[in-house]
Protein backbone atom coordinates (compact mmCIF):
# COMPACT_ATOMS: atom_id res chain seq x y z
CA MET A 1 8.52 -18.71 -25.90
CA ILE A 2 10.36 -19.09 -22.58
CA PHE A 3 13.03 -16.64 -23.78
CA ARG A 4 10.31 -14.15 -24.73
CA LYS A 5 8.73 -14.37 -21.27
CA ILE A 6 12.09 -13.82 -19.57
CA ILE A 7 12.74 -10.70 -21.67
CA LEU A 8 9.28 -9.33 -20.97
CA SER A 9 9.66 -9.99 -17.25
CA LEU A 10 12.95 -8.11 -17.22
CA ILE A 11 11.28 -5.18 -18.97
CA VAL A 12 8.57 -5.14 -16.31
CA ILE A 13 11.14 -5.24 -13.48
CA GLN A 14 13.17 -2.47 -15.07
CA PHE A 15 10.08 -0.34 -15.56
CA ILE A 16 8.63 -0.84 -12.11
CA PHE A 17 11.89 -0.34 -10.25
CA ALA A 18 13.46 2.43 -12.35
CA GLU A 19 13.88 5.88 -10.84
CA ASP A 20 13.77 7.93 -14.03
CA ILE A 21 10.23 7.02 -14.97
CA THR A 22 8.94 9.57 -17.43
CA GLU A 23 5.32 8.54 -16.88
CA SER A 24 4.10 9.26 -13.35
CA CYS A 25 1.56 6.91 -11.84
CA ILE A 26 -0.53 9.95 -10.94
CA ILE A 27 -2.69 11.29 -13.75
CA ASP A 28 -3.38 14.99 -14.10
CA SER A 29 -7.15 15.30 -13.94
CA ASN A 30 -7.00 18.63 -15.78
CA ASN A 31 -5.03 17.30 -18.74
CA ARG A 32 -5.88 13.79 -19.81
CA ASP A 33 -7.28 12.39 -23.04
CA PHE A 34 -9.07 9.37 -21.59
CA ASP A 35 -11.79 8.47 -19.14
CA ARG A 36 -12.71 5.41 -17.13
CA PHE A 37 -12.25 2.33 -19.29
CA GLN A 38 -15.32 1.46 -21.30
CA TYR A 39 -15.73 -2.20 -22.27
CA THR A 40 -18.00 -3.70 -24.92
CA TYR A 41 -18.39 -6.74 -22.69
CA PRO A 42 -17.91 -5.43 -19.15
CA GLN A 43 -17.50 -7.63 -16.11
CA PHE A 44 -16.77 -6.86 -12.47
CA ILE A 45 -16.11 -8.51 -9.14
CA ASP A 46 -16.62 -6.92 -5.74
CA GLY A 47 -14.83 -6.99 -2.43
CA PRO A 48 -15.83 -5.24 0.80
CA HIS A 49 -14.35 -1.92 -0.39
CA ILE A 50 -13.21 -2.40 -4.00
CA ARG A 51 -14.91 -3.15 -7.32
CA VAL A 52 -12.63 -4.43 -10.09
CA HIS A 53 -13.84 -3.85 -13.65
CA PHE A 54 -12.45 -6.02 -16.43
CA THR A 55 -13.26 -7.84 -19.63
CA THR A 56 -12.40 -11.34 -20.81
CA GLU A 57 -13.16 -10.59 -24.47
CA ALA A 58 -10.41 -9.84 -26.97
CA VAL A 59 -12.87 -7.73 -28.96
CA ASP A 60 -12.48 -5.03 -26.32
CA SER A 61 -9.58 -3.53 -28.25
CA PHE A 62 -8.54 -0.16 -29.61
CA PHE A 63 -6.21 1.02 -32.36
CA PHE A 64 -3.38 3.22 -31.17
CA ASN A 65 -0.13 4.27 -32.84
CA ASN A 66 -0.60 1.84 -35.73
CA SER A 67 -1.17 -1.13 -33.40
CA TRP A 68 -4.11 -2.91 -31.84
CA PHE A 69 -4.27 -3.17 -28.06
CA THR A 70 -6.72 -5.13 -25.98
CA HIS A 71 -8.13 -4.56 -22.48
CA GLN A 72 -8.69 -8.30 -22.20
CA SER A 73 -7.73 -10.11 -19.00
CA ASN A 74 -9.30 -13.02 -17.12
CA LEU A 75 -11.14 -13.77 -13.89
CA VAL A 76 -8.08 -15.21 -12.13
CA TYR A 77 -6.06 -12.09 -12.80
CA ALA A 78 -8.92 -9.79 -11.80
CA THR A 79 -9.39 -11.74 -8.57
CA THR A 80 -5.69 -11.40 -7.78
CA VAL A 81 -5.82 -7.64 -8.32
CA LEU A 82 -8.94 -7.39 -6.13
CA ASP A 83 -7.34 -9.35 -3.29
CA GLN A 84 -4.17 -7.27 -3.39
CA VAL A 85 -5.90 -3.89 -3.51
CA GLU A 86 -8.33 -4.95 -0.77
CA TYR A 87 -5.44 -6.04 1.44
CA SER A 88 -3.65 -2.73 0.90
CA TYR A 89 -6.87 -0.87 1.68
CA SER A 90 -7.25 -2.79 4.95
CA VAL A 91 -3.68 -1.97 6.04
CA TYR A 92 -4.17 1.75 5.44
CA GLU A 93 -7.49 1.65 7.27
CA ASP A 94 -5.96 -0.20 10.24
CA GLU A 95 -3.05 2.30 10.34
CA GLY A 96 -5.52 5.16 10.78
CA TRP A 97 -5.25 6.70 7.31
CA GLN A 98 -8.19 8.53 5.76
CA ILE A 99 -9.90 6.12 3.36
CA PRO A 100 -10.91 7.18 -0.18
CA PRO A 101 -14.25 9.02 -0.23
CA PRO A 102 -17.26 7.64 -2.15
CA ASP A 103 -17.25 8.68 -5.79
CA CYS A 104 -21.02 9.02 -6.17
CA ASP A 105 -24.30 9.40 -4.26
CA GLU A 106 -26.30 6.17 -4.25
CA SER A 107 -29.43 8.07 -3.19
CA ILE A 108 -29.67 9.54 -6.71
CA THR A 109 -32.16 7.34 -8.60
CA ASP A 110 -32.51 9.28 -11.86
CA VAL A 111 -30.21 7.49 -14.30
CA ASN A 112 -30.17 10.59 -16.50
CA ASN A 113 -28.52 12.56 -13.73
CA SER A 114 -24.82 12.95 -14.51
CA ASN A 115 -24.03 12.26 -10.84
CA HIS A 116 -25.81 8.91 -10.83
CA CYS A 117 -23.55 6.04 -9.76
CA ILE A 118 -24.02 4.42 -13.17
CA ASN A 119 -21.39 6.92 -14.36
CA TYR A 120 -19.05 6.08 -11.50
CA GLY A 121 -18.63 2.33 -11.57
CA GLY A 122 -22.18 1.49 -10.52
CA ASN A 123 -21.86 2.09 -6.76
CA THR A 124 -19.71 3.80 -4.13
CA LEU A 125 -17.06 1.06 -3.97
CA TYR A 126 -13.58 2.20 -5.00
CA ASP A 127 -13.14 1.39 -8.70
CA VAL A 128 -10.20 -0.38 -10.29
CA TYR A 129 -10.17 -0.84 -14.08
CA ILE A 130 -7.99 -3.50 -15.71
CA GLY A 131 -6.78 -2.84 -19.22
CA VAL A 132 -4.06 -1.13 -21.19
CA VAL A 133 -2.47 1.71 -19.20
CA GLN A 134 -0.51 3.90 -21.58
CA GLY A 135 2.69 4.47 -19.62
CA PRO A 136 3.04 3.07 -16.09
CA ALA A 137 2.00 -0.37 -14.88
CA ALA A 138 -0.81 1.27 -12.93
CA ALA A 139 -2.10 4.77 -12.26
CA VAL A 140 -4.56 6.69 -10.13
CA ALA A 141 -6.71 9.41 -11.67
CA PRO A 142 -8.10 12.15 -9.39
CA GLU A 143 -11.64 12.90 -10.43
CA ASN A 144 -14.05 15.16 -8.50
CA PRO A 145 -13.76 17.42 -5.45
CA TYR A 146 -15.15 15.97 -2.23
CA SER A 147 -15.45 18.88 0.15
CA GLU A 148 -16.50 17.52 3.51
CA LEU A 149 -14.92 17.83 6.92
CA PRO A 150 -12.25 17.36 8.02
CA TYR A 151 -10.46 17.58 4.64
CA LEU A 152 -12.09 20.16 2.41
CA GLY A 153 -9.64 19.58 -0.44
CA ALA A 154 -10.29 15.85 -0.77
CA ILE A 155 -10.75 14.37 -4.24
CA THR A 156 -12.37 11.17 -5.42
CA SER A 157 -10.32 8.94 -7.70
CA TYR A 158 -10.18 5.63 -9.50
CA MET A 159 -7.37 3.25 -10.38
CA LEU A 160 -6.18 1.86 -13.70
CA PHE A 161 -4.32 -1.42 -13.57
CA ALA A 162 -2.35 -2.90 -16.46
CA ASN A 163 -3.79 -6.10 -17.89
CA GLY A 164 -0.39 -7.49 -18.84
CA LEU A 165 -1.33 -7.91 -22.49
CA GLY A 166 -0.69 -4.40 -23.74
CA ALA A 167 2.88 -3.34 -23.09
CA PHE A 168 3.93 -6.15 -20.80
CA GLY A 169 3.27 -9.42 -22.63
CA SER A 170 1.23 -11.77 -20.42
CA TYR A 171 -0.68 -11.84 -17.14
CA ASP A 172 2.05 -13.90 -15.50
CA ASP A 173 4.64 -11.21 -16.20
CA LEU A 174 2.92 -8.81 -13.82
CA LEU A 175 1.54 -11.15 -11.17
CA PRO A 176 4.77 -11.46 -9.10
CA TYR A 177 4.94 -7.66 -8.71
CA ASN A 178 1.28 -6.69 -8.54
CA TYR A 179 1.13 -6.49 -4.77
CA TYR A 180 3.86 -3.80 -4.62
CA ILE A 181 1.99 -1.88 -7.29
CA ALA A 182 -1.33 -2.31 -5.46
CA ALA A 183 0.15 -0.96 -2.21
CA HIS A 184 1.69 1.99 -4.04
CA GLU A 185 -1.41 2.94 -6.04
CA MET A 186 -3.79 2.44 -3.13
CA HIS A 187 -1.74 4.99 -1.26
CA HIS A 188 -2.27 7.52 -4.04
CA ALA A 189 -6.01 7.04 -3.60
CA VAL A 190 -5.53 7.58 0.14
CA GLU A 191 -3.44 10.73 -0.48
CA PHE A 192 -6.25 12.25 -2.53
CA SER A 193 -8.49 11.72 0.51
CA TYR A 194 -6.53 14.57 2.11
CA GLY A 195 -6.17 16.91 -0.83
CA SER A 196 -5.01 17.61 -4.33
CA TYR A 197 -1.41 17.50 -5.45
CA ALA A 198 -1.87 20.97 -6.94
CA THR A 199 -2.29 23.83 -4.48
CA GLY A 200 -2.99 27.46 -5.13
CA PRO A 201 -5.35 29.17 -7.60
CA PRO A 202 -5.58 27.98 -11.25
CA GLY A 203 -2.65 29.20 -13.29
CA ASN A 204 -0.48 29.56 -10.20
CA GLN A 205 -0.43 26.03 -8.83
CA LEU A 206 2.34 24.33 -6.93
CA LEU A 207 2.59 20.66 -7.81
CA GLN A 208 3.34 18.23 -4.98
CA SER A 209 3.57 15.05 -7.04
CA TRP A 210 7.14 14.41 -5.77
CA MET A 211 5.74 14.00 -2.26
CA LEU A 212 2.91 11.75 -3.45
CA GLU A 213 5.37 9.42 -5.16
CA GLN A 214 7.98 9.21 -2.40
CA THR A 215 5.33 8.61 0.28
CA ALA A 216 3.63 5.92 -1.77
CA THR A 217 6.99 4.25 -2.36
CA TYR A 218 7.83 4.33 1.34
CA MET A 219 4.43 2.90 2.26
CA GLU A 220 5.02 -0.16 0.07
CA ASN A 221 7.26 -1.38 2.90
CA VAL A 222 4.57 -0.68 5.48
CA VAL A 223 1.99 -2.75 3.60
CA TYR A 224 4.56 -5.38 2.57
CA PRO A 225 7.61 -5.16 4.88
CA ASN A 226 9.77 -7.18 2.47
CA SER A 227 9.14 -4.91 -0.51
CA MET A 228 12.38 -4.40 -2.48
CA HIS A 229 11.38 -1.43 -4.62
CA LEU A 230 13.21 1.28 -2.66
CA ARG A 231 16.23 -0.90 -1.97
CA ILE A 232 16.64 -1.66 -5.67
CA ILE A 233 16.35 2.02 -6.59
CA LEU A 234 18.92 3.03 -3.97
CA GLY A 235 21.27 0.29 -5.13
CA ASN A 236 21.27 1.59 -8.69
CA CYS A 237 24.14 4.09 -8.95
CA ASP A 238 23.06 5.05 -12.48
CA ALA A 239 19.67 6.27 -11.30
CA THR A 240 18.92 9.71 -9.91
CA THR A 241 18.59 9.15 -6.17
CA PRO A 242 19.38 10.99 -2.92
CA LEU A 243 22.68 9.05 -2.95
CA SER A 244 23.83 9.53 -6.53
CA SER A 245 22.55 13.14 -6.72
CA PRO A 246 22.48 14.49 -3.15
CA GLU A 247 22.66 18.04 -4.47
CA LEU A 248 19.00 17.75 -5.51
CA GLY A 249 17.80 17.65 -1.91
CA VAL A 250 14.66 15.92 -0.68
CA TYR A 251 12.64 17.31 -3.59
CA MET A 252 12.65 13.95 -5.37
CA ALA A 253 10.02 11.38 -6.31
CA TYR A 254 10.28 7.59 -5.92
CA ALA A 255 13.80 7.38 -4.47
CA GLY A 256 12.94 10.26 -2.16
CA ALA A 257 11.21 7.63 -0.02
CA LEU A 258 14.59 7.44 1.73
CA TRP A 259 13.72 10.81 3.31
CA GLN A 260 10.42 9.36 4.57
CA LYS A 261 12.29 6.33 5.92
CA TYR A 262 14.73 8.61 7.72
CA LEU A 263 11.97 10.67 9.36
CA VAL A 264 10.27 7.57 10.74
CA GLU A 265 13.51 6.10 12.06
CA ILE A 266 15.07 9.24 13.55
CA LEU A 267 11.83 10.34 15.25
CA GLU A 268 10.95 6.76 16.25
CA ASP A 269 7.32 7.30 15.28
CA SER A 270 5.74 5.16 12.59
CA SER A 271 2.75 7.53 12.35
CA ILE A 272 4.85 10.52 11.30
CA ILE A 273 4.05 10.14 7.57
CA ARG A 274 0.31 10.01 8.25
CA GLN A 275 0.62 13.10 10.46
CA ILE A 276 2.29 14.97 7.59
CA TRP A 277 -0.62 14.19 5.28
CA GLU A 278 -3.17 15.08 7.93
CA SER A 279 -1.49 18.47 8.33
CA TYR A 280 -1.42 18.94 4.56
CA GLY A 281 -5.10 18.02 4.29
CA SER A 282 -6.06 20.44 7.04
CA GLN A 283 -4.48 23.33 5.08
CA ILE A 284 -5.57 22.70 1.51
CA SER A 285 -8.94 23.39 -0.06
CA ASN A 286 -7.85 23.54 -3.73
CA SER A 287 -8.19 27.33 -3.72
CA ASN A 288 -5.89 28.32 -0.85
CA GLU A 289 -2.49 29.87 -1.05
CA PRO A 290 0.15 27.26 -1.96
CA VAL A 291 0.89 24.80 0.85
CA SER A 292 4.50 23.81 1.50
CA PHE A 293 5.42 20.37 2.74
CA PHE A 294 8.68 21.83 4.03
CA SER A 295 6.98 23.98 6.66
CA ILE A 296 4.87 20.94 7.57
CA PHE A 297 8.04 18.87 7.97
CA ASN A 298 9.49 21.53 10.25
CA ASP A 299 6.39 21.83 12.45
CA ILE A 300 5.92 18.09 12.88
CA ILE A 301 9.61 17.43 13.54
CA LEU A 302 9.53 20.10 16.25
CA ASP A 303 6.38 18.67 17.78
CA THR A 304 7.41 15.01 17.62
CA SER A 305 10.88 15.71 19.05
CA ASP A 306 9.55 17.95 21.86
CA ASN A 307 11.32 20.92 20.25
CA THR A 308 14.75 19.26 20.39
CA MET A 309 15.05 19.07 16.59
CA ASN A 310 13.83 21.18 13.68
CA LEU A 311 13.96 20.64 9.94
CA GLU A 312 17.45 22.13 9.63
CA ASP A 313 18.73 19.75 12.33
CA ALA A 314 17.07 16.89 10.47
CA TYR A 315 18.77 17.93 7.22
CA ILE A 316 22.17 17.79 8.93
CA GLU A 317 21.53 14.37 10.43
CA TYR A 318 20.07 13.11 7.15
CA SER A 319 23.21 14.21 5.32
CA ILE A 320 25.32 12.14 7.72
CA TRP A 321 23.05 9.11 7.34
CA ARG A 322 23.32 9.30 3.56
CA TYR A 323 27.11 9.54 3.71
CA PHE A 324 27.38 6.17 5.44
CA THR A 325 25.93 4.03 2.65
CA GLY A 326 27.39 1.49 0.25
CA ASP A 327 31.13 1.11 0.80
CA ARG A 328 30.98 3.44 3.82
CA ALA A 329 28.14 1.63 5.58
CA ILE A 330 28.76 0.87 9.26
CA PRO A 331 26.96 -2.22 10.62
CA ASN A 332 24.05 -1.47 12.96
CA GLN A 333 24.31 2.27 12.40
CA TYR A 334 22.33 4.71 10.30
CA PHE A 335 20.02 3.30 7.61
CA GLU A 336 18.99 -0.32 7.66
CA GLU A 337 20.24 -2.15 4.57
CA SER A 338 22.56 0.80 3.83
CA ALA A 339 25.32 -1.60 2.77
CA SER A 340 23.17 -2.62 -0.20
CA TYR A 341 22.65 0.99 -1.29
CA CYS A 342 24.77 2.93 -3.75
CA THR A 343 27.74 4.70 -2.14
CA THR A 344 26.84 8.37 -1.82
CA THR A 345 28.49 10.51 -4.48
CA THR A 346 31.29 12.87 -3.49
CA ILE A 347 32.86 15.56 -5.65
CA PRO A 348 36.42 16.93 -5.86
CA MET A 349 36.96 20.33 -4.33
CA PRO A 350 35.45 22.77 -6.87
CA GLU A 351 37.76 25.14 -8.71
CA ASP A 352 34.97 27.55 -9.62
CA ASP A 353 31.89 28.99 -7.94
CA PHE A 354 29.11 26.50 -7.37
CA GLN A 355 25.44 26.93 -6.58
CA PHE A 356 22.60 25.06 -4.95
CA LEU A 357 19.10 25.81 -3.71
CA SER A 358 18.53 26.73 -0.10
CA ASN A 359 15.92 25.18 2.21
CA LEU A 360 15.53 21.93 0.21
CA GLY A 361 17.88 19.62 2.07
CA THR A 362 20.51 20.00 -0.64
CA THR A 363 23.79 18.36 0.35
CA LEU A 364 27.28 18.52 -1.15
CA TYR A 365 29.94 15.96 -0.17
CA ILE A 366 33.28 17.56 -1.04
CA GLU A 367 36.61 15.70 -1.01
CA ILE A 368 39.22 17.78 0.82
CA PRO A 369 42.93 17.23 0.09
CA ASN A 370 44.99 16.16 3.08
CA ALA A 371 47.63 18.90 3.23
CA ASP A 372 48.76 21.73 5.45
CA LEU A 373 46.23 24.25 4.23
CA ALA A 374 43.11 26.17 5.07
CA ILE A 375 39.96 25.98 2.97
CA HIS A 376 38.48 29.33 2.04
CA LEU A 377 34.71 29.51 1.48
CA GLU A 378 32.82 32.64 0.58
CA SER A 379 29.03 32.57 0.53
CA ASP A 380 26.46 35.14 -0.55
CA HIS A 381 23.72 33.48 1.45
CA THR A 382 22.01 35.81 3.89
CA GLU A 383 21.77 33.04 6.48
CA TYR A 384 24.42 30.65 7.68
CA LEU A 385 24.90 27.23 6.10
CA PRO A 386 25.35 24.13 8.27
CA ALA A 387 28.52 22.16 7.53
CA ILE A 388 30.31 19.09 8.86
CA LEU A 389 33.94 18.05 8.41
CA ILE A 390 34.22 14.26 8.49
CA SER A 391 37.67 12.75 8.98
CA LYS A 392 38.48 9.06 8.52
CA ASP A 393 41.81 7.81 9.87
CA ILE A 394 43.89 4.88 8.60
CA ASP A 395 42.01 2.54 10.96
CA GLU A 396 38.75 3.66 9.29
CA ASP A 397 37.54 5.38 12.45
CA TYR A 398 35.43 8.48 11.81
CA SER A 399 35.18 11.76 13.66
CA MET A 400 32.99 14.77 12.86
CA THR A 401 33.23 18.50 13.47
CA GLU A 402 30.11 20.62 13.00
CA PHE A 403 30.23 24.34 12.25
CA ASN A 404 28.31 27.04 10.39
CA LEU A 405 29.42 28.82 7.23
CA LEU A 406 28.56 32.49 7.72
CA ASP A 407 27.68 35.04 5.09
CA GLY A 408 31.05 36.25 3.79
CA ASN A 409 34.46 34.66 4.29
CA ASN A 410 35.04 31.38 6.14
CA HIS A 411 38.25 29.45 6.78
CA ILE A 412 38.55 25.77 7.66
CA ASP A 413 41.96 24.59 8.84
CA ILE A 414 43.15 21.18 7.67
CA ASP A 415 45.77 19.31 9.72
CA GLU A 416 48.27 17.62 7.41
CA SER A 417 49.63 15.55 10.31
CA PHE A 418 46.33 13.64 10.28
CA GLU A 419 46.72 10.31 8.48
CA GLY A 420 43.47 9.77 6.67
CA ASP A 421 40.82 11.39 4.49
CA TYR A 422 38.60 14.43 4.86
CA THR A 423 35.10 15.07 3.49
CA LEU A 424 33.33 18.39 3.88
CA ILE A 425 29.52 18.18 3.99
CA ILE A 426 27.60 21.38 3.23
CA THR A 427 23.80 21.39 3.55
CA SER A 428 21.29 23.99 2.45
CA GLY A 429 19.83 24.60 5.89
CA TYR A 430 16.24 25.66 6.49
CA SER A 431 15.11 29.20 7.22
CA ALA A 432 11.43 28.95 6.16
CA ASP A 433 12.17 31.54 3.46
CA GLU A 434 11.60 31.17 -0.24
CA PHE A 435 14.07 28.93 -2.07
CA GLU A 436 17.06 30.86 -3.38
CA ASN A 437 20.26 30.14 -5.23
CA VAL A 438 23.25 30.07 -2.91
CA THR A 439 26.64 30.75 -4.50
CA ILE A 440 29.80 29.50 -2.81
CA ASN A 441 33.36 30.22 -3.85
CA MET A 442 35.79 27.61 -2.55
CA GLY A 443 39.56 27.42 -2.72
CA ILE A 444 42.83 27.12 -0.85
CA TYR A 445 43.29 29.96 1.61
CA SER A 446 46.70 31.64 1.59
CA ALA A 447 47.43 34.10 4.40
CA PRO A 448 48.43 37.58 3.14
CA GLU A 449 52.09 38.59 3.44
CA MET A 450 53.32 41.34 5.77
CA GLY A 451 52.83 44.61 3.89
CA ASP A 452 49.81 43.44 1.86
CA ILE A 453 47.70 46.00 3.69
CA ASN A 454 44.69 45.88 1.35
CA VAL A 455 44.88 42.04 1.32
CA ASP A 456 44.67 41.80 -2.46
CA GLY A 457 47.41 39.17 -2.80
CA SER A 458 50.20 41.53 -3.90
CA ILE A 459 52.47 44.16 -2.27
CA ASP A 460 52.57 47.33 -4.36
CA VAL A 461 52.24 51.11 -4.35
CA LEU A 462 48.59 50.88 -3.27
CA ASP A 463 49.72 49.44 0.03
CA VAL A 464 52.23 52.32 0.43
CA VAL A 465 49.46 54.91 -0.13
CA ILE A 466 47.21 53.24 2.46
CA LEU A 467 50.06 53.07 5.00
CA ILE A 468 50.99 56.74 4.53
CA ASN A 469 47.35 57.76 4.97
CA PHE A 470 47.18 55.78 8.21
CA ILE A 471 50.27 57.63 9.51
CA LEU A 472 49.31 61.16 8.33
CA GLN A 473 45.70 60.96 9.49
CA SER A 474 46.46 59.03 12.65
CA GLN A 475 43.77 56.67 11.41
CA PHE A 476 43.55 53.43 13.33
CA PRO A 477 43.64 50.50 10.88
CA SER A 478 41.19 47.59 11.07
CA ASP A 479 42.41 44.50 12.89
CA GLN A 480 43.23 42.81 9.61
CA GLN A 481 45.05 45.84 8.21
CA GLN A 482 46.89 46.36 11.50
CA ASP A 483 48.29 42.84 11.20
CA PHE A 484 49.98 43.67 7.89
CA SER A 485 50.74 47.43 8.32
CA ASP A 486 53.38 47.22 11.06
CA VAL A 487 55.97 46.05 8.55
CA ASN A 488 58.96 46.18 10.93
CA SER A 489 56.93 44.69 13.78
CA ASP A 490 57.93 47.31 16.35
CA GLY A 491 54.37 48.00 17.48
CA VAL A 492 54.29 51.53 15.97
CA LEU A 493 53.17 52.79 12.56
CA ASN A 494 55.64 55.42 11.30
CA VAL A 495 58.00 56.36 8.48
CA LEU A 496 60.22 53.35 9.25
CA ASP A 497 57.37 51.05 8.15
CA VAL A 498 57.01 53.07 4.93
CA VAL A 499 60.73 52.78 4.19
CA GLN A 500 60.78 49.04 4.77
CA LEU A 501 57.63 48.55 2.68
CA ILE A 502 59.17 50.48 -0.23
CA ASN A 503 62.38 48.46 0.05
CA THR A 504 60.30 45.27 -0.07
CA ILE A 505 58.57 46.41 -3.26
CA LEU A 506 61.86 47.44 -4.90
CA SER A 507 63.58 44.20 -3.98
CA GLU A 508 60.79 42.18 -5.60
CA SER A 509 60.67 44.27 -8.79
């Protein structure tokens, strides 16, 4: 029995703290095959803001996938859930967040009216239902539009909380972790107070569930400062996180809370996350054009920093912060607890073209060989791409050089006399345009030889033709062609250059 409880507890920990959770804890209100839990023997307990619905009877069961499951719990467990959700509610209220709107109108007295509170938990308190949640340990279901000022896109919701007897074994298995879950799920209810996670007209909606999840994960540490959820995710190098997969950008769910953590720390403003949601809520009405969190990030970063930083600047700084994690962590610099995170993934210098999406905070950490060479990068991006060359010497001291990769050819010189390692960081930048695929070709740059007038890597008859045309037409070559046309280096283009170029070709044939 003890062994069974240990195994079940480990399953719960793995489920709660995993990054690749296939079941989101946000339920799509337009596509769900369930409703509020209905109990044969319902019970409830009330707090100042929350009503918890539960049942203590095993007969409240249902048959699913060839097995029986029960919603049964007990008063002690229900009271624990109530206390934890109420505490989370009070923290959000004290922090100035918009509280969940009432889910019904208590002035309606006709019980046959579909809007009567009897259909919405019995009153306007926020409803939490304990039972079997098919998937996550808890979930929030958006329910009905609540269009009142100041947030016309607000939605009512209710919460489902696992009873511990369905997929998780016993009440005690969940109790040690319930308060993290309560803080997380209460934030989803708060988020819906500002607007839906789907913007735009039906059939052309932009889902924002990634932002809902990463904000809720970050806020766990605001409600409970010692929460370990994010730290455990970021310490798991097998999970998909901003450290193990930096090329995915900030467009991530639970582990993306690192981006929220960065914004608060770099801008030194603990209200920044709430401001982002207030801006989102002021723009969405569930029928507007799609709303982008990225433009909101940019506007609020500009405002909070007094126009000294924009989103692109933040992406660059964020890429540096993420580099110094795990084995590269520097005490008292960059992210708190960064030494306990996974070491950010780097990649060898690519041999072929590679792509990433612009505007999303995508970052590539590329290992550069220490040799006497120049790195050639060619981009098809219409804007420039921010980049940083980080060098670490044998004493483990770091230095950084920032530059921009322009549309077209770029060369980065590497000094082989430097004793240490190089890492090239390329970020996606931010231009407020639509996301687009950026293709970069990267390789070792070799300077063309004298006589390679068309700079195609070989000296042949094509170069002779170009040189003769220059001479006959008195055409002034481009700067690059000039460098390789004056074959005898006498400062004049004439037949002597043609003769020497032909002799060079013949001697190499």
